[in-house]
Amino acid sequence: MKLHVFETYRELSLRAVSIVAGQVLRKPDSVLGLATGATPVGLYEGLAELCRRALISFAQIRTFNLDEYVGLSKHDPQSYAHFMQEHLFRHTDIDPDNVHLLDGTTRDARNECERYEAAIEQAGGIDLQVLGMGRNGHIGFNEPGSPFGGRTRKVRLSEDTVARNSAWAGTSVPRESLSMGLRTIMNAREIVLLVSGKDKAPALADALGGPVVPDVPASILQLHPAVSVFADRASASLVGSGERALSARR
């Protein structure tokens, strides 16, 4: 695992853009795992700009989103499907048939999650997974206590996550979601974790330097062979500065 610390969120985002764009150029039919929330917005803006300038193409790219709120259709302004459409997809040449999203309106959550897992497998697995992290250390919507062996499933969100996401969205958000599990995330060939803000500093320190425990879901990333962490100075304030390699616990 390698930690890269940047002075600003903009610098963090630009490096993330270069990593994802490089993956697209090396493998034009890459399978990308995508995150939502405030942190990856800069990444998506940068990728959209490269597509507008015809420097990269998403024509063959396939995507899988990490999660979706239960009860929200893809047309709901608060849905993560809508978020991705507004911040990335509509600004690229991606084939809509190659965009894979969890259906928050399903009446059979188990079947929907199994369908999603099968679709990932059929696509050949995720080449590059983009992650954000909550201040309680969650990745995707895998809250503290989530099983390390979990697959895509329906989850109950913590009160802190609901409160913070509601504040960010400007309205109340659902208390349940469908989310890739930690095992699903760990099956990606490469992972990029984006972290920004002083409020994330304790969780990032625990995730990178603490024990690998379910109470800190992001700590499982220490066990992955190809993880890059891009953090701004504020979020990395409790794990030191600069760039350093961290020994993976195996």
Protein backbone atom coordinates (compact mmCIF):
# COMPACT_ATOMS: atom_id res chain seq x y z
CA MET A 1 0.00 0.00 0.00
CA LYS A 2 1.31 3.43 -0.87
CA LEU A 3 0.19 6.75 0.61
CA HIS A 4 0.48 9.91 -1.50
CA VAL A 5 -0.12 13.18 0.32
CA PHE A 6 -1.01 16.40 -1.52
CA GLU A 7 -1.27 19.96 -0.29
CA THR A 8 -4.72 20.53 -1.77
CA TYR A 9 -7.82 18.68 -2.88
CA ARG A 10 -7.22 19.91 -6.43
CA GLU A 11 -3.77 18.31 -6.53
CA LEU A 12 -5.20 15.08 -5.14
CA SER A 13 -7.90 15.08 -7.82
CA LEU A 14 -5.45 15.75 -10.65
CA ARG A 15 -3.33 12.77 -9.63
CA ALA A 16 -6.43 10.60 -9.46
CA VAL A 17 -7.40 11.77 -12.96
CA SER A 18 -3.98 10.74 -14.27
CA ILE A 19 -4.30 7.26 -12.74
CA VAL A 20 -7.78 6.56 -14.08
CA ALA A 21 -7.04 8.13 -17.48
CA GLY A 22 -3.89 6.01 -17.69
CA GLN A 23 -5.92 2.88 -17.04
CA VAL A 24 -8.36 3.87 -19.81
CA LEU A 25 -5.53 4.49 -22.27
CA ARG A 26 -3.74 1.23 -21.44
CA LYS A 27 -6.92 -0.83 -21.61
CA PRO A 28 -9.74 0.91 -23.53
CA ASP A 29 -12.28 -1.72 -22.43
CA SER A 30 -11.38 -1.50 -18.74
CA VAL A 31 -13.92 -2.30 -16.03
CA LEU A 32 -14.03 0.58 -13.56
CA GLY A 33 -15.58 0.52 -10.10
CA LEU A 34 -16.86 3.99 -9.24
CA ALA A 35 -17.66 5.79 -6.00
CA THR A 36 -20.00 8.67 -5.23
CA GLY A 37 -19.92 11.51 -2.72
CA ALA A 38 -18.06 14.80 -2.55
CA THR A 39 -14.50 13.46 -2.72
CA PRO A 40 -14.51 11.95 -6.25
CA VAL A 41 -16.22 14.97 -7.85
CA GLY A 42 -12.88 16.51 -8.84
CA LEU A 43 -11.82 13.23 -10.41
CA TYR A 44 -14.98 13.02 -12.48
CA GLU A 45 -14.72 16.64 -13.59
CA GLY A 46 -11.18 15.96 -14.80
CA LEU A 47 -12.15 12.81 -16.68
CA ALA A 48 -15.11 14.59 -18.27
CA GLU A 49 -12.78 17.35 -19.48
CA LEU A 50 -10.40 14.82 -21.03
CA CYS A 51 -13.33 13.20 -22.83
CA ARG A 52 -14.57 16.57 -24.10
CA ARG A 53 -11.10 17.23 -25.51
CA ALA A 54 -11.05 13.74 -27.08
CA LEU A 55 -7.89 12.85 -25.15
CA ILE A 56 -9.51 9.70 -23.78
CA SER A 57 -12.59 7.71 -24.74
CA PHE A 58 -15.09 5.86 -22.60
CA ALA A 59 -16.66 4.20 -25.66
CA GLN A 60 -15.60 0.71 -24.54
CA ILE A 61 -15.35 1.34 -20.80
CA ARG A 62 -17.62 -0.62 -18.48
CA THR A 63 -18.53 0.71 -15.04
CA PHE A 64 -19.99 -0.62 -11.79
CA ASN A 65 -21.08 1.73 -9.05
CA LEU A 66 -20.37 0.88 -5.43
CA ASP A 67 -23.82 1.51 -4.02
CA GLU A 68 -27.31 2.96 -4.25
CA TYR A 69 -29.94 4.10 -1.77
CA VAL A 70 -32.86 1.76 -1.21
CA GLY A 71 -36.12 3.21 -2.49
CA LEU A 72 -34.67 5.73 -4.94
CA SER A 73 -35.09 5.34 -8.70
CA LYS A 74 -32.27 6.24 -11.06
CA HIS A 75 -34.17 9.42 -11.96
CA ASP A 76 -34.38 10.69 -8.37
CA PRO A 77 -32.07 13.71 -7.91
CA GLN A 78 -30.74 12.17 -4.68
CA SER A 79 -29.90 8.81 -6.23
CA TYR A 80 -26.32 7.86 -6.94
CA ALA A 81 -27.33 6.90 -10.47
CA HIS A 82 -28.36 10.53 -11.01
CA PHE A 83 -25.15 11.73 -9.37
CA MET A 84 -23.03 9.72 -11.79
CA GLN A 85 -25.06 10.87 -14.77
CA GLU A 86 -24.63 14.53 -13.82
CA HIS A 87 -20.97 14.42 -12.81
CA LEU A 88 -19.55 11.97 -15.35
CA PHE A 89 -21.60 9.85 -17.70
CA ARG A 90 -23.42 12.54 -19.68
CA HIS A 91 -20.10 14.28 -20.31
CA THR A 92 -18.50 11.21 -21.90
CA ASP A 93 -19.04 8.91 -24.86
CA ILE A 94 -19.79 5.90 -22.66
CA ASP A 95 -22.28 3.35 -23.98
CA PRO A 96 -25.30 3.36 -21.61
CA ASP A 97 -25.41 -0.43 -21.90
CA ASN A 98 -21.96 -0.53 -20.28
CA VAL A 99 -23.09 1.41 -17.21
CA HIS A 100 -24.02 -0.98 -14.39
CA LEU A 101 -25.99 0.32 -11.42
CA LEU A 102 -27.75 -1.24 -8.48
CA ASP A 103 -31.53 -0.85 -8.64
CA GLY A 104 -32.65 0.86 -5.45
CA THR A 105 -36.33 0.27 -6.29
CA THR A 106 -36.07 -3.51 -6.42
CA ARG A 107 -38.56 -5.55 -4.40
CA ASP A 108 -36.08 -8.40 -4.11
CA ALA A 109 -32.81 -7.02 -2.73
CA ARG A 110 -31.13 -10.42 -2.50
CA ASN A 111 -31.84 -11.24 -6.13
CA GLU A 112 -30.68 -7.78 -7.25
CA CYS A 113 -27.41 -8.13 -5.34
CA GLU A 114 -26.82 -11.60 -6.77
CA ARG A 115 -27.52 -10.24 -10.26
CA TYR A 116 -24.95 -7.49 -9.69
CA GLU A 117 -22.28 -9.91 -8.50
CA ALA A 118 -22.90 -12.09 -11.55
CA ALA A 119 -22.61 -9.07 -13.86
CA ILE A 120 -19.24 -8.15 -12.35
CA GLU A 121 -18.01 -11.70 -12.83
CA GLN A 122 -19.30 -11.80 -16.40
CA ALA A 123 -17.41 -8.57 -17.14
CA GLY A 124 -14.19 -10.25 -16.03
CA GLY A 125 -13.92 -8.47 -12.68
CA ILE A 126 -13.06 -4.89 -11.82
CA ASP A 127 -9.73 -3.62 -13.13
CA LEU A 128 -9.59 -0.41 -11.11
CA GLN A 129 -11.82 0.42 -8.15
CA VAL A 130 -12.18 4.05 -7.01
CA LEU A 131 -13.10 4.45 -3.34
CA GLY A 132 -13.92 7.27 -0.97
CA MET A 133 -14.03 6.83 2.80
CA GLY A 134 -16.44 7.97 5.50
CA ARG A 135 -15.23 9.50 8.72
CA ASN A 136 -16.14 6.26 10.50
CA GLY A 137 -13.91 4.34 8.09
CA HIS A 138 -16.64 2.97 5.84
CA ILE A 139 -15.92 2.21 2.18
CA GLY A 140 -18.88 1.79 -0.11
CA PHE A 141 -21.67 1.59 2.44
CA ASN A 142 -19.84 -1.02 4.49
CA GLU A 143 -20.29 0.45 7.95
CA PRO A 144 -18.19 -0.50 10.99
CA GLY A 145 -18.78 -4.15 11.84
CA SER A 146 -19.36 -5.20 8.24
CA PRO A 147 -18.10 -8.73 7.50
CA PHE A 148 -14.81 -8.86 5.63
CA GLY A 149 -16.20 -11.71 3.52
CA GLY A 150 -19.38 -9.86 2.57
CA ARG A 151 -20.62 -9.64 -1.00
CA THR A 152 -23.03 -7.10 -2.49
CA ARG A 153 -25.96 -6.84 -0.09
CA LYS A 154 -28.59 -4.65 1.54
CA VAL A 155 -27.21 -2.68 4.49
CA ARG A 156 -28.50 -0.44 7.25
CA LEU A 157 -26.67 2.90 7.41
CA SER A 158 -25.29 4.33 10.63
CA GLU A 159 -26.85 7.43 12.14
CA ASP A 160 -23.64 9.36 11.47
CA THR A 161 -23.61 8.38 7.80
CA VAL A 162 -27.28 9.32 7.36
CA ALA A 163 -26.75 12.67 9.10
CA ARG A 164 -23.65 13.60 7.12
CA ASN A 165 -25.04 12.47 3.77
CA SER A 166 -28.29 14.31 4.44
CA ALA A 167 -26.34 17.49 5.21
CA TRP A 168 -24.30 17.08 2.02
CA ALA A 169 -27.40 16.37 -0.09
CA GLY A 170 -29.41 19.18 1.47
CA THR A 171 -32.27 16.80 2.26
CA SER A 172 -32.88 13.62 4.22
CA VAL A 173 -31.52 10.44 2.64
CA PRO A 174 -32.73 6.84 3.03
CA ARG A 175 -31.46 4.76 5.93
CA GLU A 176 -30.74 1.69 3.84
CA SER A 177 -28.71 1.01 0.73
CA LEU A 178 -27.49 -1.70 -1.57
CA SER A 179 -23.70 -1.86 -1.51
CA MET A 180 -20.81 -3.87 -2.84
CA GLY A 181 -19.39 -5.88 0.03
CA LEU A 182 -15.83 -5.73 1.27
CA ARG A 183 -14.94 -9.00 -0.43
CA THR A 184 -16.31 -7.66 -3.72
CA ILE A 185 -14.19 -4.52 -3.36
CA MET A 186 -11.09 -6.51 -2.47
CA ASN A 187 -11.45 -8.60 -5.63
CA ALA A 188 -10.61 -5.55 -7.76
CA ARG A 189 -7.19 -5.82 -9.37
CA GLU A 190 -6.20 -2.30 -8.32
CA ILE A 191 -7.73 0.16 -5.85
CA VAL A 192 -7.43 3.92 -5.50
CA LEU A 193 -8.68 5.41 -2.22
CA LEU A 194 -9.39 9.16 -2.21
CA VAL A 195 -9.57 10.96 1.14
CA SER A 196 -10.02 14.67 1.83
CA GLY A 197 -10.71 16.78 4.90
CA LYS A 198 -9.55 17.03 8.49
CA ASP A 199 -12.59 15.14 9.78
CA LYS A 200 -11.32 12.02 7.99
CA ALA A 201 -7.88 12.14 9.67
CA PRO A 202 -8.59 9.77 12.60
CA ALA A 203 -10.25 7.18 10.35
CA LEU A 204 -7.43 7.35 7.80
CA ALA A 205 -4.81 6.87 10.51
CA ASP A 206 -6.69 3.83 11.82
CA ALA A 207 -7.24 2.44 8.32
CA LEU A 208 -3.58 2.68 7.31
CA GLY A 209 -1.71 2.13 10.54
CA GLY A 210 -4.06 0.37 12.92
CA PRO A 211 -5.07 -3.27 13.18
CA VAL A 212 -7.13 -4.87 10.41
CA VAL A 213 -10.53 -5.08 12.10
CA PRO A 214 -14.19 -4.92 11.03
CA ASP A 215 -14.69 -1.86 13.26
CA VAL A 216 -12.58 0.04 10.69
CA PRO A 217 -13.82 -1.33 7.36
CA ALA A 218 -11.17 0.52 5.31
CA SER A 219 -8.42 -1.25 7.27
CA ILE A 220 -9.00 -4.32 5.10
CA LEU A 221 -7.25 -2.45 2.30
CA GLN A 222 -3.97 -3.18 4.08
CA LEU A 223 -4.38 -6.74 2.82
CA HIS A 224 -4.74 -5.81 -0.85
CA PRO A 225 -1.61 -6.06 -3.04
CA ALA A 226 -2.25 -2.93 -5.14
CA VAL A 227 -3.73 0.01 -3.24
CA SER A 228 -2.83 3.68 -3.72
CA VAL A 229 -4.14 6.20 -1.19
CA PHE A 230 -4.43 9.82 -2.36
CA ALA A 231 -4.99 12.14 0.58
CA ASP A 232 -4.81 15.88 1.13
CA ARG A 233 -2.63 17.27 3.90
CA ALA A 234 -5.53 17.72 6.31
CA SER A 235 -6.81 14.15 6.07
CA ALA A 236 -3.29 12.71 6.36
CA SER A 237 -2.30 14.85 9.33
CA LEU A 238 -2.33 11.91 11.75
CA VAL A 239 -0.37 9.48 9.56
CA GLY A 240 2.61 11.73 8.76
CA SER A 241 3.45 13.69 5.63
CA GLY A 242 4.96 13.04 2.23
CA GLU A 243 4.86 9.75 0.38
CA ARG A 244 5.72 6.45 1.97
CA ALA A 245 5.16 2.77 1.52
CA LEU A 246 3.12 1.00 4.19
CA SER A 247 3.67 -2.64 4.93
CA ALA A 248 0.62 -4.75 4.20
CA ARG A 249 -0.53 -7.10 6.96
CA ARG A 250 -0.96 -10.59 5.58
